[in-house]
PDB file of N, CA and C in Angstrom:
ATOM      1  N   MET A   1     -11.816  -2.042  -8.311  1.00  0.00           N
ATOM      2  CA  MET A   1     -10.899  -1.195  -9.055  1.00  0.00           C
ATOM      3  C   MET A   1      -9.498  -1.344  -8.474  1.00  0.00           C
ATOM      4  N   PRO A   2      -8.496  -1.478  -9.313  1.00  0.00           N
ATOM      5  CA  PRO A   2      -7.140  -1.616  -8.782  1.00  0.00           C
ATOM      6  C   PRO A   2      -6.754  -0.404  -7.928  1.00  0.00           C
ATOM      7  N   MET A   3      -6.024  -0.691  -6.885  1.00  0.00           N
ATOM      8  CA  MET A   3      -5.539   0.319  -5.962  1.00  0.00           C
ATOM      9  C   MET A   3      -4.250   0.917  -6.523  1.00  0.00           C
ATOM     10  N   SER A   4      -4.038   2.195  -6.302  1.00  0.00           N
ATOM     11  CA  SER A   4      -2.773   2.788  -6.737  1.00  0.00           C
ATOM     12  C   SER A   4      -1.638   2.171  -5.915  1.00  0.00           C
ATOM     13  N   GLU A   5      -0.454   2.191  -6.468  1.00  0.00           N
ATOM     14  CA  GLU A   5       0.695   1.633  -5.764  1.00  0.00           C
ATOM     15  C   GLU A   5       0.943   2.371  -4.455  1.00  0.00           C
ATOM     16  N   THR A   6       0.743   3.680  -4.464  1.00  0.00           N
ATOM     17  CA  THR A   6       0.908   4.475  -3.244  1.00  0.00           C
ATOM     18  C   THR A   6      -0.075   4.016  -2.168  1.00  0.00           C
ATOM     19  N   ALA A   7      -1.353   3.927  -2.521  1.00  0.00           N
ATOM     20  CA  ALA A   7      -2.369   3.498  -1.554  1.00  0.00           C
ATOM     21  C   ALA A   7      -2.080   2.083  -1.056  1.00  0.00           C
ATOM     22  N   TYR A   8      -1.673   1.209  -1.969  1.00  0.00           N
ATOM     23  CA  TYR A   8      -1.360  -0.171  -1.614  1.00  0.00           C
ATOM     24  C   TYR A   8      -0.260  -0.224  -0.555  1.00  0.00           C
ATOM     25  N   TYR A   9       0.824   0.487  -0.793  1.00  0.00           N
ATOM     26  CA  TYR A   9       1.945   0.439   0.147  1.00  0.00           C
ATOM     27  C   TYR A   9       1.644   1.163   1.452  1.00  0.00           C
ATOM     28  N   ILE A  10       0.809   2.183   1.410  1.00  0.00           N
ATOM     29  CA  ILE A  10       0.409   2.827   2.662  1.00  0.00           C
ATOM     30  C   ILE A  10      -0.373   1.835   3.514  1.00  0.00           C
ATOM     31  N   LEU A  11      -1.356   1.174   2.921  1.00  0.00           N
ATOM     32  CA  LEU A  11      -2.133   0.200   3.686  1.00  0.00           C
ATOM     33  C   LEU A  11      -1.270  -0.979   4.125  1.00  0.00           C
ATOM     34  N   LEU A  12      -0.380  -1.419   3.264  1.00  0.00           N
ATOM     35  CA  LEU A  12       0.507  -2.524   3.616  1.00  0.00           C
ATOM     36  C   LEU A  12       1.402  -2.153   4.803  1.00  0.00           C
ATOM     37  N   SER A  13       1.686  -0.878   4.958  1.00  0.00           N
ATOM     38  CA  SER A  13       2.516  -0.402   6.071  1.00  0.00           C
ATOM     39  C   SER A  13       1.763  -0.349   7.385  1.00  0.00           C
ATOM     40  N   LEU A  14       0.450  -0.448   7.322  1.00  0.00           N
ATOM     41  CA  LEU A  14      -0.341  -0.313   8.544  1.00  0.00           C
ATOM     42  C   LEU A  14      -0.659  -1.661   9.195  1.00  0.00           C
ATOM     43  N   THR A  15       0.321  -2.549   9.183  1.00  0.00           N
ATOM     44  CA  THR A  15       0.195  -3.791   9.951  1.00  0.00           C
ATOM     45  C   THR A  15       0.266  -3.453  11.440  1.00  0.00           C
ATOM     46  N   GLU A  16       0.716  -2.262  11.723  1.00  0.00           N
ATOM     47  CA  GLU A  16       0.730  -1.694  13.070  1.00  0.00           C
ATOM     48  C   GLU A  16       0.501  -0.191  12.910  1.00  0.00           C
ATOM     49  N   PRO A  17      -0.013   0.474  13.925  1.00  0.00           N
ATOM     50  CA  PRO A  17      -0.229   1.917  13.799  1.00  0.00           C
ATOM     51  C   PRO A  17       1.081   2.644  13.502  1.00  0.00           C
ATOM     52  N   ARG A  18       1.033   3.591  12.563  1.00  0.00           N
ATOM     53  CA  ARG A  18       2.223   4.365  12.185  1.00  0.00           C
ATOM     54  C   ARG A  18       1.822   5.797  11.860  1.00  0.00           C
ATOM     55  N   HIS A  19       2.768   6.701  12.037  1.00  0.00           N
ATOM     56  CA  HIS A  19       2.575   8.081  11.595  1.00  0.00           C
ATOM     57  C   HIS A  19       3.080   8.195  10.165  1.00  0.00           C
ATOM     58  N   GLY A  20       2.789   9.310   9.536  1.00  0.00           N
ATOM     59  CA  GLY A  20       3.127   9.492   8.121  1.00  0.00           C
ATOM     60  C   GLY A  20       4.581   9.238   7.798  1.00  0.00           C
ATOM     61  N   TYR A  21       5.493   9.811   8.594  1.00  0.00           N
ATOM     62  CA  TYR A  21       6.914   9.626   8.313  1.00  0.00           C
ATOM     63  C   TYR A  21       7.313   8.159   8.503  1.00  0.00           C
ATOM     64  N   GLY A  22       6.697   7.489   9.486  1.00  0.00           N
ATOM     65  CA  GLY A  22       6.952   6.061   9.684  1.00  0.00           C
ATOM     66  C   GLY A  22       6.504   5.237   8.492  1.00  0.00           C
ATOM     67  N   ILE A  23       5.399   5.639   7.869  1.00  0.00           N
ATOM     68  CA  ILE A  23       4.919   4.964   6.657  1.00  0.00           C
ATOM     69  C   ILE A  23       5.923   5.162   5.533  1.00  0.00           C
ATOM     70  N   ILE A  24       6.397   6.385   5.362  1.00  0.00           N
ATOM     71  CA  ILE A  24       7.384   6.684   4.319  1.00  0.00           C
ATOM     72  C   ILE A  24       8.621   5.816   4.507  1.00  0.00           C
ATOM     73  N   GLN A  25       9.111   5.737   5.733  1.00  0.00           N
ATOM     74  CA  GLN A  25      10.301   4.933   6.021  1.00  0.00           C
ATOM     75  C   GLN A  25      10.045   3.444   5.773  1.00  0.00           C
ATOM     76  N   HIS A  26       8.874   2.965   6.166  1.00  0.00           N
ATOM     77  CA  HIS A  26       8.553   1.550   5.983  1.00  0.00           C
ATOM     78  C   HIS A  26       8.478   1.189   4.504  1.00  0.00           C
ATOM     79  N   VAL A  27       7.818   2.030   3.717  1.00  0.00           N
ATOM     80  CA  VAL A  27       7.713   1.773   2.276  1.00  0.00           C
ATOM     81  C   VAL A  27       9.100   1.793   1.642  1.00  0.00           C
ATOM     82  N   ASP A  28       9.919   2.726   2.046  1.00  0.00           N
ATOM     83  CA  ASP A  28      11.297   2.807   1.549  1.00  0.00           C
ATOM     84  C   ASP A  28      12.035   1.491   1.830  1.00  0.00           C
ATOM     85  N   LYS A  29      11.856   0.973   3.030  1.00  0.00           N
ATOM     86  CA  LYS A  29      12.532  -0.261   3.442  1.00  0.00           C
ATOM     87  C   LYS A  29      12.012  -1.482   2.687  1.00  0.00           C
ATOM     88  N   ILE A  30      10.680  -1.658   2.630  1.00  0.00           N
ATOM     89  CA  ILE A  30      10.150  -2.896   2.043  1.00  0.00           C
ATOM     90  C   ILE A  30      10.251  -2.920   0.520  1.00  0.00           C
ATOM     91  N   THR A  31      10.450  -1.761  -0.105  1.00  0.00           N
ATOM     92  CA  THR A  31      10.619  -1.732  -1.567  1.00  0.00           C
ATOM     93  C   THR A  31      12.087  -1.559  -1.958  1.00  0.00           C
ATOM     94  N   ASN A  32      12.979  -1.705  -0.990  1.00  0.00           N
ATOM     95  CA  ASN A  32      14.414  -1.518  -1.239  1.00  0.00           C
ATOM     96  C   ASN A  32      14.695  -0.183  -1.935  1.00  0.00           C
ATOM     97  N   LYS A  33      13.993   0.857  -1.463  1.00  0.00           N
ATOM     98  CA  LYS A  33      14.145   2.235  -1.938  1.00  0.00           C
ATOM     99  C   LYS A  33      13.651   2.445  -3.369  1.00  0.00           C
ATOM    100  N   ARG A  34      12.923   1.472  -3.917  1.00  0.00           N
ATOM    101  CA  ARG A  34      12.368   1.639  -5.260  1.00  0.00           C
ATOM    102  C   ARG A  34      11.296   2.720  -5.267  1.00  0.00           C
ATOM    103  N   ILE A  35      10.514   2.759  -4.197  1.00  0.00           N
ATOM    104  CA  ILE A  35       9.455   3.760  -4.099  1.00  0.00           C
ATOM    105  C   ILE A  35       9.831   4.773  -3.038  1.00  0.00           C
ATOM    106  N   LYS A  36       9.881   6.024  -3.448  1.00  0.00           N
ATOM    107  CA  LYS A  36      10.156   7.140  -2.539  1.00  0.00           C
ATOM    108  C   LYS A  36       8.888   7.973  -2.458  1.00  0.00           C
ATOM    109  N   LEU A  37       8.143   7.812  -1.390  1.00  0.00           N
ATOM    110  CA  LEU A  37       6.905   8.558  -1.231  1.00  0.00           C
ATOM    111  C   LEU A  37       7.198   9.947  -0.683  1.00  0.00           C
ATOM    112  N   GLY A  38       6.620  10.940  -1.310  1.00  0.00           N
ATOM    113  CA  GLY A  38       6.733  12.300  -0.804  1.00  0.00           C
ATOM    114  C   GLY A  38       5.699  12.540   0.276  1.00  0.00           C
ATOM    115  N   SER A  39       6.009  13.443   1.189  1.00  0.00           N
ATOM    116  CA  SER A  39       5.094  13.690   2.300  1.00  0.00           C
ATOM    117  C   SER A  39       3.747  14.223   1.811  1.00  0.00           C
ATOM    118  N   GLY A  40       3.737  15.065   0.794  1.00  0.00           N
ATOM    119  CA  GLY A  40       2.476  15.587   0.263  1.00  0.00           C
ATOM    120  C   GLY A  40       1.594  14.483  -0.280  1.00  0.00           C
ATOM    121  N   THR A  41       2.198  13.551  -0.995  1.00  0.00           N
ATOM    122  CA  THR A  41       1.464  12.413  -1.552  1.00  0.00           C
ATOM    123  C   THR A  41       0.905  11.545  -0.430  1.00  0.00           C
ATOM    124  N   VAL A  42       1.738  11.249   0.563  1.00  0.00           N
ATOM    125  CA  VAL A  42       1.314  10.391   1.671  1.00  0.00           C
ATOM    126  C   VAL A  42       0.181  11.042   2.450  1.00  0.00           C
ATOM    127  N   TYR A  43       0.360  12.297   2.838  1.00  0.00           N
ATOM    128  CA  TYR A  43      -0.666  12.938   3.666  1.00  0.00           C
ATOM    129  C   TYR A  43      -1.947  13.187   2.882  1.00  0.00           C
ATOM    130  N   GLY A  44      -1.847  13.461   1.594  1.00  0.00           N
ATOM    131  CA  GLY A  44      -3.047  13.588   0.766  1.00  0.00           C
ATOM    132  C   GLY A  44      -3.807  12.283   0.686  1.00  0.00           C
ATOM    133  N   THR A  45      -3.079  11.179   0.490  1.00  0.00           N
ATOM    134  CA  THR A  45      -3.699   9.858   0.416  1.00  0.00           C
ATOM    135  C   THR A  45      -4.273   9.452   1.773  1.00  0.00           C
ATOM    136  N   LEU A  46      -3.548   9.736   2.848  1.00  0.00           N
ATOM    137  CA  LEU A  46      -4.050   9.420   4.190  1.00  0.00           C
ATOM    138  C   LEU A  46      -5.351  10.179   4.483  1.00  0.00           C
ATOM    139  N   THR A  47      -5.411  11.433   4.072  1.00  0.00           N
ATOM    140  CA  THR A  47      -6.621  12.233   4.280  1.00  0.00           C
ATOM    141  C   THR A  47      -7.804  11.613   3.546  1.00  0.00           C
ATOM    142  N   LYS A  48      -7.593  11.223   2.282  1.00  0.00           N
ATOM    143  CA  LYS A  48      -8.665  10.591   1.502  1.00  0.00           C
ATOM    144  C   LYS A  48      -9.090   9.266   2.141  1.00  0.00           C
ATOM    145  N   MET A  49      -8.112   8.479   2.571  1.00  0.00           N
ATOM    146  CA  MET A  49      -8.418   7.189   3.188  1.00  0.00           C
ATOM    147  C   MET A  49      -9.188   7.380   4.493  1.00  0.00           C
ATOM    148  N   HIS A  50      -8.816   8.388   5.249  1.00  0.00           N
ATOM    149  CA  HIS A  50      -9.496   8.651   6.514  1.00  0.00           C
ATOM    150  C   HIS A  50     -10.946   9.060   6.261  1.00  0.00           C
ATOM    151  N   LYS A  51     -11.161   9.938   5.286  1.00  0.00           N
ATOM    152  CA  LYS A  51     -12.521  10.375   4.950  1.00  0.00           C
ATOM    153  C   LYS A  51     -13.373   9.210   4.448  1.00  0.00           C
ATOM    154  N   SER A  52     -12.730   8.224   3.803  1.00  0.00           N
ATOM    155  CA  SER A  52     -13.446   7.061   3.255  1.00  0.00           C
ATOM    156  C   SER A  52     -13.628   5.936   4.274  1.00  0.00           C
ATOM    157  N   GLY A  53     -13.052   6.087   5.468  1.00  0.00           N
ATOM    158  CA  GLY A  53     -13.187   5.060   6.491  1.00  0.00           C
ATOM    159  C   GLY A  53     -12.241   3.886   6.333  1.00  0.00           C
ATOM    160  N   VAL A  54     -11.235   4.042   5.479  1.00  0.00           N
ATOM    161  CA  VAL A  54     -10.269   2.966   5.239  1.00  0.00           C
ATOM    162  C   VAL A  54      -9.239   2.904   6.368  1.00  0.00           C
ATOM    163  N   ILE A  55      -8.945   4.061   6.941  1.00  0.00           N
ATOM    164  CA  ILE A  55      -8.053   4.152   8.090  1.00  0.00           C
ATOM    165  C   ILE A  55      -8.716   5.035   9.138  1.00  0.00           C
ATOM    166  N   THR A  56      -8.201   4.973  10.334  1.00  0.00           N
ATOM    167  CA  THR A  56      -8.678   5.819  11.413  1.00  0.00           C
ATOM    168  C   THR A  56      -7.475   6.402  12.143  1.00  0.00           C
ATOM    169  N   ILE A  57      -7.725   7.412  12.941  1.00  0.00           N
ATOM    170  CA  ILE A  57      -6.639   8.003  13.725  1.00  0.00           C
ATOM    171  C   ILE A  57      -6.515   7.214  15.022  1.00  0.00           C
ATOM    172  N   TYR A  58      -5.350   6.653  15.220  1.00  0.00           N
ATOM    173  CA  TYR A  58      -5.054   5.847  16.401  1.00  0.00           C
ATOM    174  C   TYR A  58      -4.726   6.761  17.576  1.00  0.00           C
ATOM    175  N   SER A  59      -3.893   7.774  17.307  1.00  0.00           N
ATOM    176  CA  SER A  59      -3.574   8.796  18.311  1.00  0.00           C
ATOM    177  C   SER A  59      -3.118  10.059  17.595  1.00  0.00           C
ATOM    178  N   ASP A  60      -3.217  11.153  18.292  1.00  0.00           N
ATOM    179  CA  ASP A  60      -2.857  12.443  17.703  1.00  0.00           C
ATOM    180  C   ASP A  60      -2.253  13.315  18.792  1.00  0.00           C
ATOM    181  N   GLU A  61      -0.950  13.162  18.989  1.00  0.00           N
ATOM    182  CA  GLU A  61      -0.270  13.943  20.008  1.00  0.00           C
ATOM    183  C   GLU A  61       1.113  14.355  19.519  1.00  0.00           C
ATOM    184  N   ASP A  62       1.642  15.370  20.146  1.00  0.00           N
ATOM    185  CA  ASP A  62       2.987  15.868  19.821  1.00  0.00           C
ATOM    186  C   ASP A  62       3.179  16.088  18.333  1.00  0.00           C
ATOM    187  N   ARG A  63       2.169  16.630  17.665  1.00  0.00           N
ATOM    188  CA  ARG A  63       2.222  16.955  16.235  1.00  0.00           C
ATOM    189  C   ARG A  63       2.441  15.736  15.354  1.00  0.00           C
ATOM    190  N   LYS A  64       2.202  14.547  15.892  1.00  0.00           N
ATOM    191  CA  LYS A  64       2.318  13.317  15.097  1.00  0.00           C
ATOM    192  C   LYS A  64       0.989  12.576  15.143  1.00  0.00           C
ATOM    193  N   THR A  65       0.338  12.512  14.011  1.00  0.00           N
ATOM    194  CA  THR A  65      -0.898  11.748  13.914  1.00  0.00           C
ATOM    195  C   THR A  65      -0.535  10.324  13.530  1.00  0.00           C
ATOM    196  N   VAL A  66      -0.996   9.384  14.317  1.00  0.00           N
ATOM    197  CA  VAL A  66      -0.724   7.966  14.080  1.00  0.00           C
ATOM    198  C   VAL A  66      -2.003   7.341  13.521  1.00  0.00           C
ATOM    199  N   TYR A  67      -1.848   6.609  12.425  1.00  0.00           N
ATOM    200  CA  TYR A  67      -2.976   6.027  11.711  1.00  0.00           C
ATOM    201  C   TYR A  67      -3.032   4.526  11.915  1.00  0.00           C
ATOM    202  N   GLU A  68      -4.267   4.012  11.819  1.00  0.00           N
ATOM    203  CA  GLU A  68      -4.504   2.578  11.974  1.00  0.00           C
ATOM    204  C   GLU A  68      -5.498   2.151  10.897  1.00  0.00           C
ATOM    205  N   ILE A  69      -5.309   0.970  10.358  1.00  0.00           N
ATOM    206  CA  ILE A  69      -6.210   0.451   9.337  1.00  0.00           C
ATOM    207  C   ILE A  69      -7.519   0.002   9.989  1.00  0.00           C
ATOM    208  N   THR A  70      -8.626   0.195   9.287  1.00  0.00           N
ATOM    209  CA  THR A  70      -9.942  -0.220   9.779  1.00  0.00           C
ATOM    210  C   THR A  70     -10.324  -1.570   9.162  1.00  0.00           C
ATOM    211  N   TYR A  71     -11.472  -2.081   9.567  1.00  0.00           N
ATOM    212  CA  TYR A  71     -11.991  -3.317   8.980  1.00  0.00           C
ATOM    213  C   TYR A  71     -12.182  -3.135   7.470  1.00  0.00           C
ATOM    214  N   ILE A  72     -12.708  -1.995   7.074  1.00  0.00           N
ATOM    215  CA  ILE A  72     -12.891  -1.704   5.640  1.00  0.00           C
ATOM    216  C   ILE A  72     -11.540  -1.732   4.936  1.00  0.00           C
ATOM    217  N   GLY A  73     -10.540  -1.105   5.539  1.00  0.00           N
ATOM    218  CA  GLY A  73      -9.199  -1.086   4.962  1.00  0.00           C
ATOM    219  C   GLY A  73      -8.610  -2.480   4.837  1.00  0.00           C
ATOM    220  N   LYS A  74      -8.820  -3.300   5.857  1.00  0.00           N
ATOM    221  CA  LYS A  74      -8.319  -4.680   5.820  1.00  0.00           C
ATOM    222  C   LYS A  74      -9.001  -5.467   4.703  1.00  0.00           C
ATOM    223  N   THR A  75     -10.286  -5.225   4.524  1.00  0.00           N
ATOM    224  CA  THR A  75     -11.023  -5.887   3.447  1.00  0.00           C
ATOM    225  C   THR A  75     -10.474  -5.465   2.086  1.00  0.00           C
ATOM    226  N   LEU A  76     -10.215  -4.167   1.931  1.00  0.00           N
ATOM    227  CA  LEU A  76      -9.680  -3.657   0.660  1.00  0.00           C
ATOM    228  C   LEU A  76      -8.286  -4.184   0.370  1.00  0.00           C
ATOM    229  N   ILE A  77      -7.384  -4.164   1.359  1.00  0.00           N
ATOM    230  CA  ILE A  77      -6.005  -4.612   1.106  1.00  0.00           C
ATOM    231  C   ILE A  77      -5.983  -6.113   0.840  1.00  0.00           C
ATOM    232  N   THR A  78      -6.830  -6.872   1.508  1.00  0.00           N
ATOM    233  CA  THR A  78      -6.902  -8.311   1.256  1.00  0.00           C
ATOM    234  C   THR A  78      -7.368  -8.591  -0.169  1.00  0.00           C
ATOM    235  N   ALA A  79      -8.387  -7.851  -0.622  1.00  0.00           N
ATOM    236  CA  ALA A  79      -8.872  -8.017  -1.997  1.00  0.00           C
ATOM    237  C   ALA A  79      -7.785  -7.641  -2.995  1.00  0.00           C
ATOM    238  N   GLU A  80      -7.034  -6.585  -2.695  1.00  0.00           N
ATOM    239  CA  GLU A  80      -5.969  -6.150  -3.604  1.00  0.00           C
ATOM    240  C   GLU A  80      -4.832  -7.167  -3.633  1.00  0.00           C
ATOM    241  N   ILE A  81      -4.474  -7.722  -2.497  1.00  0.00           N
ATOM    242  CA  ILE A  81      -3.434  -8.759  -2.446  1.00  0.00           C
ATOM    243  C   ILE A  81      -3.866  -9.958  -3.288  1.00  0.00           C
ATOM    244  N   ASN A  82      -5.124 -10.350  -3.171  1.00  0.00           N
ATOM    245  CA  ASN A  82      -5.626 -11.480  -3.968  1.00  0.00           C
ATOM    246  C   ASN A  82      -5.626 -11.160  -5.459  1.00  0.00           C
ATOM    247  N   ARG A  83      -5.960  -9.916  -5.819  1.00  0.00           N
ATOM    248  CA  ARG A  83      -5.930  -9.508  -7.222  1.00  0.00           C
ATOM    249  C   ARG A  83      -4.502  -9.565  -7.759  1.00  0.00           C
ATOM    250  N   ILE A  84      -3.548  -9.105  -6.963  1.00  0.00           N
ATOM    251  CA  ILE A  84      -2.143  -9.117  -7.388  1.00  0.00           C
ATOM    252  C   ILE A  84      -1.628 -10.557  -7.496  1.00  0.00           C
ATOM    253  N   LYS A  85      -2.047 -11.424  -6.588  1.00  0.00           N
ATOM    254  CA  LYS A  85      -1.664 -12.840  -6.676  1.00  0.00           C
ATOM    255  C   LYS A  85      -2.158 -13.446  -7.988  1.00  0.00           C
ATOM    256  N   GLU A  86      -3.395 -13.116  -8.363  1.00  0.00           N
ATOM    257  CA  GLU A  86      -3.939 -13.626  -9.622  1.00  0.00           C
ATOM    258  C   GLU A  86      -3.129 -13.103 -10.808  1.00  0.00           C
ATOM    259  N   LEU A  87      -2.793 -11.829 -10.783  1.00  0.00           N
ATOM    260  CA  LEU A  87      -1.955 -11.263 -11.848  1.00  0.00           C
ATOM    261  C   LEU A  87      -0.631 -12.014 -11.949  1.00  0.00           C
ATOM    262  N   TYR A  88      -0.001 -12.220 -10.801  1.00  0.00           N
ATOM    263  CA  TYR A  88       1.283 -12.908 -10.764  1.00  0.00           C
ATOM    264  C   TYR A  88       1.151 -14.342 -11.291  1.00  0.00           C
ATOM    265  N   ASP A  89       0.176 -15.069 -10.767  1.00  0.00           N
ATOM    266  CA  ASP A  89      -0.017 -16.466 -11.193  1.00  0.00           C
ATOM    267  C   ASP A  89      -0.251 -16.567 -12.700  1.00  0.00           C
ATOM    268  N   ASN A  90      -1.083 -15.683 -13.237  1.00  0.00           N
ATOM    269  CA  ASN A  90      -1.342 -15.708 -14.680  1.00  0.00           C
ATOM    270  C   ASN A  90      -0.109 -15.300 -15.478  1.00  0.00           C
ATOM    271  N   GLY A  91       0.659 -14.365 -14.966  1.00  0.00           N
ATOM    272  CA  GLY A  91       1.890 -13.973 -15.637  1.00  0.00           C
ATOM    273  C   GLY A  91       2.873 -15.130 -15.718  1.00  0.00           C
ATOM    274  N   ILE A  92       3.036 -15.847 -14.603  1.00  0.00           N
ATOM    275  CA  ILE A  92       3.937 -17.003 -14.571  1.00  0.00           C
ATOM    276  C   ILE A  92       3.431 -18.087 -15.528  1.00  0.00           C
ATOM    277  N   LYS A  93       2.126 -18.302 -15.524  1.00  0.00           N
ATOM    278  CA  LYS A  93       1.522 -19.347 -16.357  1.00  0.00           C
ATOM    279  C   LYS A  93       1.758 -19.101 -17.844  1.00  0.00           C
ATOM    280  N   TYR A  94       1.706 -17.844 -18.260  1.00  0.00           N
ATOM    281  CA  TYR A  94       1.766 -17.533 -19.687  1.00  0.00           C
ATOM    282  C   TYR A  94       3.060 -16.876 -20.151  1.00  0.00           C
ATOM    283  N   GLU A  95       3.988 -16.613 -19.242  1.00  0.00           N
ATOM    284  CA  GLU A  95       5.180 -15.879 -19.670  1.00  0.00           C
ATOM    285  C   GLU A  95       5.975 -16.614 -20.735  1.00  0.00           C
ATOM    286  N   GLY A  96       6.016 -17.937 -20.682  1.00  0.00           N
ATOM    287  CA  GLY A  96       6.761 -18.713 -21.663  1.00  0.00           C
ATOM    288  C   GLY A  96       6.215 -18.579 -23.074  1.00  0.00           C
ATOM    289  N   ASP A  97       4.951 -18.241 -23.204  1.00  0.00           N
ATOM    290  CA  ASP A  97       4.343 -18.086 -24.522  1.00  0.00           C
ATOM    291  C   ASP A  97       4.897 -16.871 -25.277  1.00  0.00           C
ATOM    292  N   PHE A  98       5.602 -16.012 -24.583  1.00  0.00           N
ATOM    293  CA  PHE A  98       6.114 -14.787 -25.215  1.00  0.00           C
ATOM    294  C   PHE A  98       7.587 -14.869 -25.582  1.00  0.00           C
ATOM    295  N   TYR A  99       8.221 -15.972 -25.207  1.00  0.00           N
ATOM    296  CA  TYR A  99       9.622 -16.157 -25.573  1.00  0.00           C
ATOM    297  C   TYR A  99       9.702 -16.777 -26.959  1.00  0.00           C
ATOM    298  N   GLU A 100      10.587 -16.284 -27.734  1.00  0.00           N
ATOM    299  CA  GLU A 100      10.811 -16.875 -29.055  1.00  0.00           C
ATOM    300  C   GLU A 100      12.006 -17.783 -28.971  1.00  0.00           C
ATOM    301  N   GLU A 101      12.075 -18.720 -29.903  1.00  0.00           N
ATOM    302  CA  GLU A 101      13.230 -19.618 -29.913  1.00  0.00           C
ATOM    303  C   GLU A 101      14.489 -18.792 -30.039  1.00  0.00           C
ATOM    304  N   GLY A 102      15.466 -19.176 -29.255  1.00  0.00           N
ATOM    305  CA  GLY A 102      16.724 -18.462 -29.283  1.00  0.00           C
ATOM    306  C   GLY A 102      16.827 -17.394 -28.194  1.00  0.00           C
ATOM    307  N   ASP A 103      15.723 -17.117 -27.510  1.00  0.00           N
ATOM    308  CA  ASP A 103      15.754 -16.131 -26.403  1.00  0.00           C
ATOM    309  C   ASP A 103      16.435 -16.700 -25.200  1.00  0.00           C
TER     310      ASP A 103
END
């Protein structure tokens, strides 16, 4: 099943352990501010991912919980990256079929 854009970017941000605000900042940076994640959305998604075993708690001190991707999470993000690559490749392959003469 396709991953939501929020979940995708959260997992993509976990190339290293990060806390919620660090994830928000990273997503803001890598999307050139196109995606602005709210803290409620991020922490809700992190909670679901943690319960599902997609991420784990790396450390929990000074009121900052730091998250780390698990093997399951790595498997999921890799599958999603491959799915997106296929979408992109097929889009490039067929995009010319939608242009009309004079476009």
